[in-house]
Amino acid sequence: PQWKEGHIKGLKARGGLTLDIYWKHGQLEKVVFKPALNQSINVIYKDQKVRLDLVSRELYTFQP
């Protein structure tokens, strides 16, 4: 509850993926994906499911 707004940058995930996560008013605002490798991922958030085909060193933004 104390962190109603903020962000986390540089979170590392499997497969050489780096995430930056931003939120406002306690809700997810966006996630920026920075892949080190070409790969496909599924992003699942609440009732949304999105497949992203990522290309190495390009930025991808998910906004619910």
PDB file of N, CA and C in Angstrom:
ATOM      1  N   PRO A   1       0.811  -1.221   0.000  1.00  0.00           N
ATOM      2  CA  PRO A   1       0.000   0.000   0.000  1.00  0.00           C
ATOM      3  C   PRO A   1       0.854   1.286   0.000  1.00  0.00           C
ATOM      4  N   GLN A   2       2.056   1.205   0.567  1.00  0.00           N
ATOM      5  CA  GLN A   2       2.893   2.395   0.633  1.00  0.00           C
ATOM      6  C   GLN A   2       3.489   2.754  -0.724  1.00  0.00           C
ATOM      7  N   TRP A   3       3.586   1.819  -1.633  1.00  0.00           N
ATOM      8  CA  TRP A   3       4.195   2.048  -2.945  1.00  0.00           C
ATOM      9  C   TRP A   3       3.112   2.156  -4.006  1.00  0.00           C
ATOM     10  N   LYS A   4       2.327   3.202  -3.950  1.00  0.00           N
ATOM     11  CA  LYS A   4       1.238   3.363  -4.918  1.00  0.00           C
ATOM     12  C   LYS A   4       1.746   3.715  -6.301  1.00  0.00           C
ATOM     13  N   GLU A   5       2.909   4.343  -6.360  1.00  0.00           N
ATOM     14  CA  GLU A   5       3.537   4.658  -7.638  1.00  0.00           C
ATOM     15  C   GLU A   5       5.004   4.282  -7.570  1.00  0.00           C
ATOM     16  N   GLY A   6       5.535   3.815  -8.695  1.00  0.00           N
ATOM     17  CA  GLY A   6       6.954   3.486  -8.702  1.00  0.00           C
ATOM     18  C   GLY A   6       7.342   2.659  -9.908  1.00  0.00           C
ATOM     19  N   HIS A   7       8.555   2.158  -9.850  1.00  0.00           N
ATOM     20  CA  HIS A   7       9.061   1.322 -10.928  1.00  0.00           C
ATOM     21  C   HIS A   7      10.228   0.470 -10.436  1.00  0.00           C
ATOM     22  N   ILE A   8      10.453  -0.598 -11.167  1.00  0.00           N
ATOM     23  CA  ILE A   8      11.602  -1.478 -10.972  1.00  0.00           C
ATOM     24  C   ILE A   8      12.258  -1.583 -12.333  1.00  0.00           C
ATOM     25  N   LYS A   9      13.547  -1.307 -12.396  1.00  0.00           N
ATOM     26  CA  LYS A   9      14.257  -1.383 -13.678  1.00  0.00           C
ATOM     27  C   LYS A   9      15.362  -2.419 -13.595  1.00  0.00           C
ATOM     28  N   GLY A  10      15.545  -3.155 -14.696  1.00  0.00           N
ATOM     29  CA  GLY A  10      16.649  -4.095 -14.791  1.00  0.00           C
ATOM     30  C   GLY A  10      16.392  -5.454 -14.173  1.00  0.00           C
ATOM     31  N   LEU A  11      15.122  -5.820 -13.979  1.00  0.00           N
ATOM     32  CA  LEU A  11      14.780  -7.128 -13.431  1.00  0.00           C
ATOM     33  C   LEU A  11      15.115  -8.199 -14.467  1.00  0.00           C
ATOM     34  N   LYS A  12      15.902  -9.188 -14.087  1.00  0.00           N
ATOM     35  CA  LYS A  12      16.341 -10.240 -15.016  1.00  0.00           C
ATOM     36  C   LYS A  12      15.421 -11.448 -14.945  1.00  0.00           C
ATOM     37  N   ALA A  13      15.069 -11.954 -16.136  1.00  0.00           N
ATOM     38  CA  ALA A  13      14.233 -13.146 -16.236  1.00  0.00           C
ATOM     39  C   ALA A  13      14.965 -14.195 -17.074  1.00  0.00           C
ATOM     40  N   ARG A  14      14.426 -15.392 -17.090  1.00  0.00           N
ATOM     41  CA  ARG A  14      15.030 -16.473 -17.877  1.00  0.00           C
ATOM     42  C   ARG A  14      15.159 -16.103 -19.341  1.00  0.00           C
ATOM     43  N   GLY A  15      16.157 -16.687 -19.976  1.00  0.00           N
ATOM     44  CA  GLY A  15      16.318 -16.512 -21.414  1.00  0.00           C
ATOM     45  C   GLY A  15      16.946 -15.193 -21.814  1.00  0.00           C
ATOM     46  N   GLY A  16      17.617 -14.510 -20.885  1.00  0.00           N
ATOM     47  CA  GLY A  16      18.271 -13.258 -21.222  1.00  0.00           C
ATOM     48  C   GLY A  16      17.311 -12.092 -21.392  1.00  0.00           C
ATOM     49  N   LEU A  17      16.191 -12.132 -20.695  1.00  0.00           N
ATOM     50  CA  LEU A  17      15.180 -11.093 -20.793  1.00  0.00           C
ATOM     51  C   LEU A  17      15.304 -10.141 -19.612  1.00  0.00           C
ATOM     52  N   THR A  18      15.286  -8.838 -19.896  1.00  0.00           N
ATOM     53  CA  THR A  18      15.319  -7.818 -18.847  1.00  0.00           C
ATOM     54  C   THR A  18      13.986  -7.076 -18.870  1.00  0.00           C
ATOM     55  N   LEU A  19      13.429  -6.805 -17.693  1.00  0.00           N
ATOM     56  CA  LEU A  19      12.131  -6.141 -17.572  1.00  0.00           C
ATOM     57  C   LEU A  19      12.255  -4.851 -16.784  1.00  0.00           C
ATOM     58  N   ASP A  20      11.518  -3.845 -17.222  1.00  0.00           N
ATOM     59  CA  ASP A  20      11.298  -2.631 -16.443  1.00  0.00           C
ATOM     60  C   ASP A  20       9.797  -2.578 -16.192  1.00  0.00           C
ATOM     61  N   ILE A  21       9.389  -2.490 -14.924  1.00  0.00           N
ATOM     62  CA  ILE A  21       7.977  -2.535 -14.554  1.00  0.00           C
ATOM     63  C   ILE A  21       7.600  -1.204 -13.905  1.00  0.00           C
ATOM     64  N   TYR A  22       6.486  -0.620 -14.373  1.00  0.00           N
ATOM     65  CA  TYR A  22       6.013   0.671 -13.873  1.00  0.00           C
ATOM     66  C   TYR A  22       4.573   0.528 -13.393  1.00  0.00           C
ATOM     67  N   TRP A  23       4.243   1.189 -12.278  1.00  0.00           N
ATOM     68  CA  TRP A  23       2.871   1.173 -11.789  1.00  0.00           C
ATOM     69  C   TRP A  23       2.484   2.536 -11.236  1.00  0.00           C
ATOM     70  N   LYS A  24       1.182   2.836 -11.288  1.00  0.00           N
ATOM     71  CA  LYS A  24       0.600   4.068 -10.738  1.00  0.00           C
ATOM     72  C   LYS A  24      -0.695   3.712 -10.048  1.00  0.00           C
ATOM     73  N   HIS A  25      -0.991   4.410  -8.964  1.00  0.00           N
ATOM     74  CA  HIS A  25      -2.229   4.202  -8.210  1.00  0.00           C
ATOM     75  C   HIS A  25      -2.409   2.733  -7.831  1.00  0.00           C
ATOM     76  N   GLY A  26      -1.299   2.029  -7.594  1.00  0.00           N
ATOM     77  CA  GLY A  26      -1.349   0.629  -7.196  1.00  0.00           C
ATOM     78  C   GLY A  26      -1.663  -0.338  -8.328  1.00  0.00           C
ATOM     79  N   GLN A  27      -1.681   0.146  -9.575  1.00  0.00           N
ATOM     80  CA  GLN A  27      -2.021  -0.690 -10.724  1.00  0.00           C
ATOM     81  C   GLN A  27      -0.879  -0.691 -11.740  1.00  0.00           C
ATOM     82  N   LEU A  28      -0.712  -1.812 -12.421  1.00  0.00           N
ATOM     83  CA  LEU A  28       0.306  -1.910 -13.450  1.00  0.00           C
ATOM     84  C   LEU A  28       0.049  -0.880 -14.539  1.00  0.00           C
ATOM     85  N   GLU A  29       1.077  -0.113 -14.873  1.00  0.00           N
ATOM     86  CA  GLU A  29       0.977   0.876 -15.947  1.00  0.00           C
ATOM     87  C   GLU A  29       1.570   0.318 -17.243  1.00  0.00           C
ATOM     88  N   LYS A  30       2.794  -0.248 -17.149  1.00  0.00           N
ATOM     89  CA  LYS A  30       3.419  -0.846 -18.328  1.00  0.00           C
ATOM     90  C   LYS A  30       4.597  -1.707 -17.909  1.00  0.00           C
ATOM     91  N   VAL A  31       4.973  -2.603 -18.833  1.00  0.00           N
ATOM     92  CA  VAL A  31       6.173  -3.424 -18.676  1.00  0.00           C
ATOM     93  C   VAL A  31       6.969  -3.275 -19.969  1.00  0.00           C
ATOM     94  N   VAL A  32       8.252  -2.958 -19.841  1.00  0.00           N
ATOM     95  CA  VAL A  32       9.126  -2.849 -21.000  1.00  0.00           C
ATOM     96  C   VAL A  32      10.028  -4.078 -21.004  1.00  0.00           C
ATOM     97  N   PHE A  33      10.009  -4.808 -22.124  1.00  0.00           N
ATOM     98  CA  PHE A  33      10.811  -6.018 -22.292  1.00  0.00           C
ATOM     99  C   PHE A  33      12.036  -5.687 -23.135  1.00  0.00           C
ATOM    100  N   LYS A  34      13.202  -6.150 -22.678  1.00  0.00           N
ATOM    101  CA  LYS A  34      14.452  -5.961 -23.409  1.00  0.00           C
ATOM    102  C   LYS A  34      15.105  -7.337 -23.573  1.00  0.00           C
ATOM    103  N   PRO A  35      14.878  -7.995 -24.702  1.00  0.00           N
ATOM    104  CA  PRO A  35      15.432  -9.340 -24.887  1.00  0.00           C
ATOM    105  C   PRO A  35      16.893  -9.313 -25.342  1.00  0.00           C
ATOM    106  N   ALA A  36      17.672 -10.236 -24.828  1.00  0.00           N
ATOM    107  CA  ALA A  36      19.051 -10.410 -25.283  1.00  0.00           C
ATOM    108  C   ALA A  36      19.103 -11.400 -26.439  1.00  0.00           C
ATOM    109  N   LEU A  37      18.042 -12.204 -26.588  1.00  0.00           N
ATOM    110  CA  LEU A  37      17.955 -13.229 -27.632  1.00  0.00           C
ATOM    111  C   LEU A  37      16.617 -13.109 -28.352  1.00  0.00           C
ATOM    112  N   ASN A  38      16.546 -13.580 -29.586  1.00  0.00           N
ATOM    113  CA  ASN A  38      15.258 -13.694 -30.269  1.00  0.00           C
ATOM    114  C   ASN A  38      14.454 -14.779 -29.559  1.00  0.00           C
ATOM    115  N   GLN A  39      13.203 -14.476 -29.246  1.00  0.00           N
ATOM    116  CA  GLN A  39      12.376 -15.449 -28.544  1.00  0.00           C
ATOM    117  C   GLN A  39      10.912 -15.042 -28.595  1.00  0.00           C
ATOM    118  N   SER A  40      10.038 -15.993 -28.315  1.00  0.00           N
ATOM    119  CA  SER A  40       8.606 -15.735 -28.196  1.00  0.00           C
ATOM    120  C   SER A  40       8.213 -15.966 -26.745  1.00  0.00           C
ATOM    121  N   ILE A  41       7.375 -15.069 -26.228  1.00  0.00           N
ATOM    122  CA  ILE A  41       6.908 -15.207 -24.844  1.00  0.00           C
ATOM    123  C   ILE A  41       5.408 -14.962 -24.805  1.00  0.00           C
ATOM    124  N   ASN A  42       4.764 -15.490 -23.774  1.00  0.00           N
ATOM    125  CA  ASN A  42       3.371 -15.201 -23.495  1.00  0.00           C
ATOM    126  C   ASN A  42       3.317 -14.302 -22.274  1.00  0.00           C
ATOM    127  N   VAL A  43       2.636 -13.185 -22.405  1.00  0.00           N
ATOM    128  CA  VAL A  43       2.429 -12.266 -21.284  1.00  0.00           C
ATOM    129  C   VAL A  43       1.001 -12.478 -20.815  1.00  0.00           C
ATOM    130  N   ILE A  44       0.845 -12.827 -19.546  1.00  0.00           N
ATOM    131  CA  ILE A  44      -0.481 -13.053 -18.979  1.00  0.00           C
ATOM    132  C   ILE A  44      -0.664 -12.066 -17.833  1.00  0.00           C
ATOM    133  N   TYR A  45      -1.716 -11.251 -17.951  1.00  0.00           N
ATOM    134  CA  TYR A  45      -2.032 -10.269 -16.910  1.00  0.00           C
ATOM    135  C   TYR A  45      -3.541 -10.189 -16.770  1.00  0.00           C
ATOM    136  N   LYS A  46      -4.010 -10.532 -15.592  1.00  0.00           N
ATOM    137  CA  LYS A  46      -5.449 -10.602 -15.314  1.00  0.00           C
ATOM    138  C   LYS A  46      -6.124 -11.461 -16.384  1.00  0.00           C
ATOM    139  N   ASP A  47      -7.039 -10.906 -17.173  1.00  0.00           N
ATOM    140  CA  ASP A  47      -7.734 -11.711 -18.172  1.00  0.00           C
ATOM    141  C   ASP A  47      -7.143 -11.553 -19.576  1.00  0.00           C
ATOM    142  N   GLN A  48      -5.977 -10.927 -19.674  1.00  0.00           N
ATOM    143  CA  GLN A  48      -5.324 -10.738 -20.968  1.00  0.00           C
ATOM    144  C   GLN A  48      -4.204 -11.754 -21.163  1.00  0.00           C
ATOM    145  N   LYS A  49      -4.080 -12.243 -22.378  1.00  0.00           N
ATOM    146  CA  LYS A  49      -2.946 -13.088 -22.746  1.00  0.00           C
ATOM    147  C   LYS A  49      -2.459 -12.604 -24.101  1.00  0.00           C
ATOM    148  N   VAL A  50      -1.187 -12.202 -24.155  1.00  0.00           N
ATOM    149  CA  VAL A  50      -0.603 -11.652 -25.373  1.00  0.00           C
ATOM    150  C   VAL A  50       0.673 -12.412 -25.676  1.00  0.00           C
ATOM    151  N   ARG A  51       0.829 -12.815 -26.923  1.00  0.00           N
ATOM    152  CA  ARG A  51       2.066 -13.470 -27.354  1.00  0.00           C
ATOM    153  C   ARG A  51       2.941 -12.410 -28.007  1.00  0.00           C
ATOM    154  N   LEU A  52       4.188 -12.314 -27.560  1.00  0.00           N
ATOM    155  CA  LEU A  52       5.142 -11.371 -28.124  1.00  0.00           C
ATOM    156  C   LEU A  52       6.286 -12.136 -28.781  1.00  0.00           C
ATOM    157  N   ASP A  53       6.571 -11.807 -30.025  1.00  0.00           N
ATOM    158  CA  ASP A  53       7.732 -12.348 -30.721  1.00  0.00           C
ATOM    159  C   ASP A  53       8.828 -11.292 -30.619  1.00  0.00           C
ATOM    160  N   LEU A  54       9.796 -11.538 -29.770  1.00  0.00           N
ATOM    161  CA  LEU A  54      10.821 -10.558 -29.443  1.00  0.00           C
ATOM    162  C   LEU A  54      12.067 -10.738 -30.301  1.00  0.00           C
ATOM    163  N   VAL A  55      12.636  -9.633 -30.709  1.00  0.00           N
ATOM    164  CA  VAL A  55      13.875  -9.619 -31.471  1.00  0.00           C
ATOM    165  C   VAL A  55      14.955  -9.032 -30.580  1.00  0.00           C
ATOM    166  N   SER A  56      16.090  -9.674 -30.557  1.00  0.00           N
ATOM    167  CA  SER A  56      17.207  -9.277 -29.710  1.00  0.00           C
ATOM    168  C   SER A  56      17.500  -7.780 -29.803  1.00  0.00           C
ATOM    169  N   ARG A  57      17.645  -7.168 -28.639  1.00  0.00           N
ATOM    170  CA  ARG A  57      18.046  -5.759 -28.469  1.00  0.00           C
ATOM    171  C   ARG A  57      17.003  -4.735 -28.898  1.00  0.00           C
ATOM    172  N   GLU A  58      15.784  -5.177 -29.190  1.00  0.00           N
ATOM    173  CA  GLU A  58      14.702  -4.241 -29.449  1.00  0.00           C
ATOM    174  C   GLU A  58      13.842  -4.140 -28.196  1.00  0.00           C
ATOM    175  N   LEU A  59      13.185  -3.006 -27.995  1.00  0.00           N
ATOM    176  CA  LEU A  59      12.332  -2.793 -26.828  1.00  0.00           C
ATOM    177  C   LEU A  59      10.874  -3.069 -27.194  1.00  0.00           C
ATOM    178  N   TYR A  60      10.153  -3.705 -26.272  1.00  0.00           N
ATOM    179  CA  TYR A  60       8.752  -4.008 -26.441  1.00  0.00           C
ATOM    180  C   TYR A  60       8.012  -3.559 -25.182  1.00  0.00           C
ATOM    181  N   THR A  61       6.885  -2.900 -25.369  1.00  0.00           N
ATOM    182  CA  THR A  61       6.120  -2.403 -24.237  1.00  0.00           C
ATOM    183  C   THR A  61       4.755  -3.069 -24.174  1.00  0.00           C
ATOM    184  N   PHE A  62       4.407  -3.590 -22.991  1.00  0.00           N
ATOM    185  CA  PHE A  62       3.079  -4.136 -22.727  1.00  0.00           C
ATOM    186  C   PHE A  62       2.372  -3.144 -21.825  1.00  0.00           C
ATOM    187  N   GLN A  63       1.198  -2.678 -22.271  1.00  0.00           N
ATOM    188  CA  GLN A  63       0.372  -1.784 -21.459  1.00  0.00           C
ATOM    189  C   GLN A  63      -1.023  -2.378 -21.367  1.00  0.00           C
ATOM    190  N   PRO A  64      -1.443  -2.719 -20.150  1.00  0.00           N
ATOM    191  CA  PRO A  64      -2.781  -3.330 -20.021  1.00  0.00           C
ATOM    192  C   PRO A  64      -3.899  -2.355 -20.336  1.00  0.00           C
TER     193      PRO A  64
END
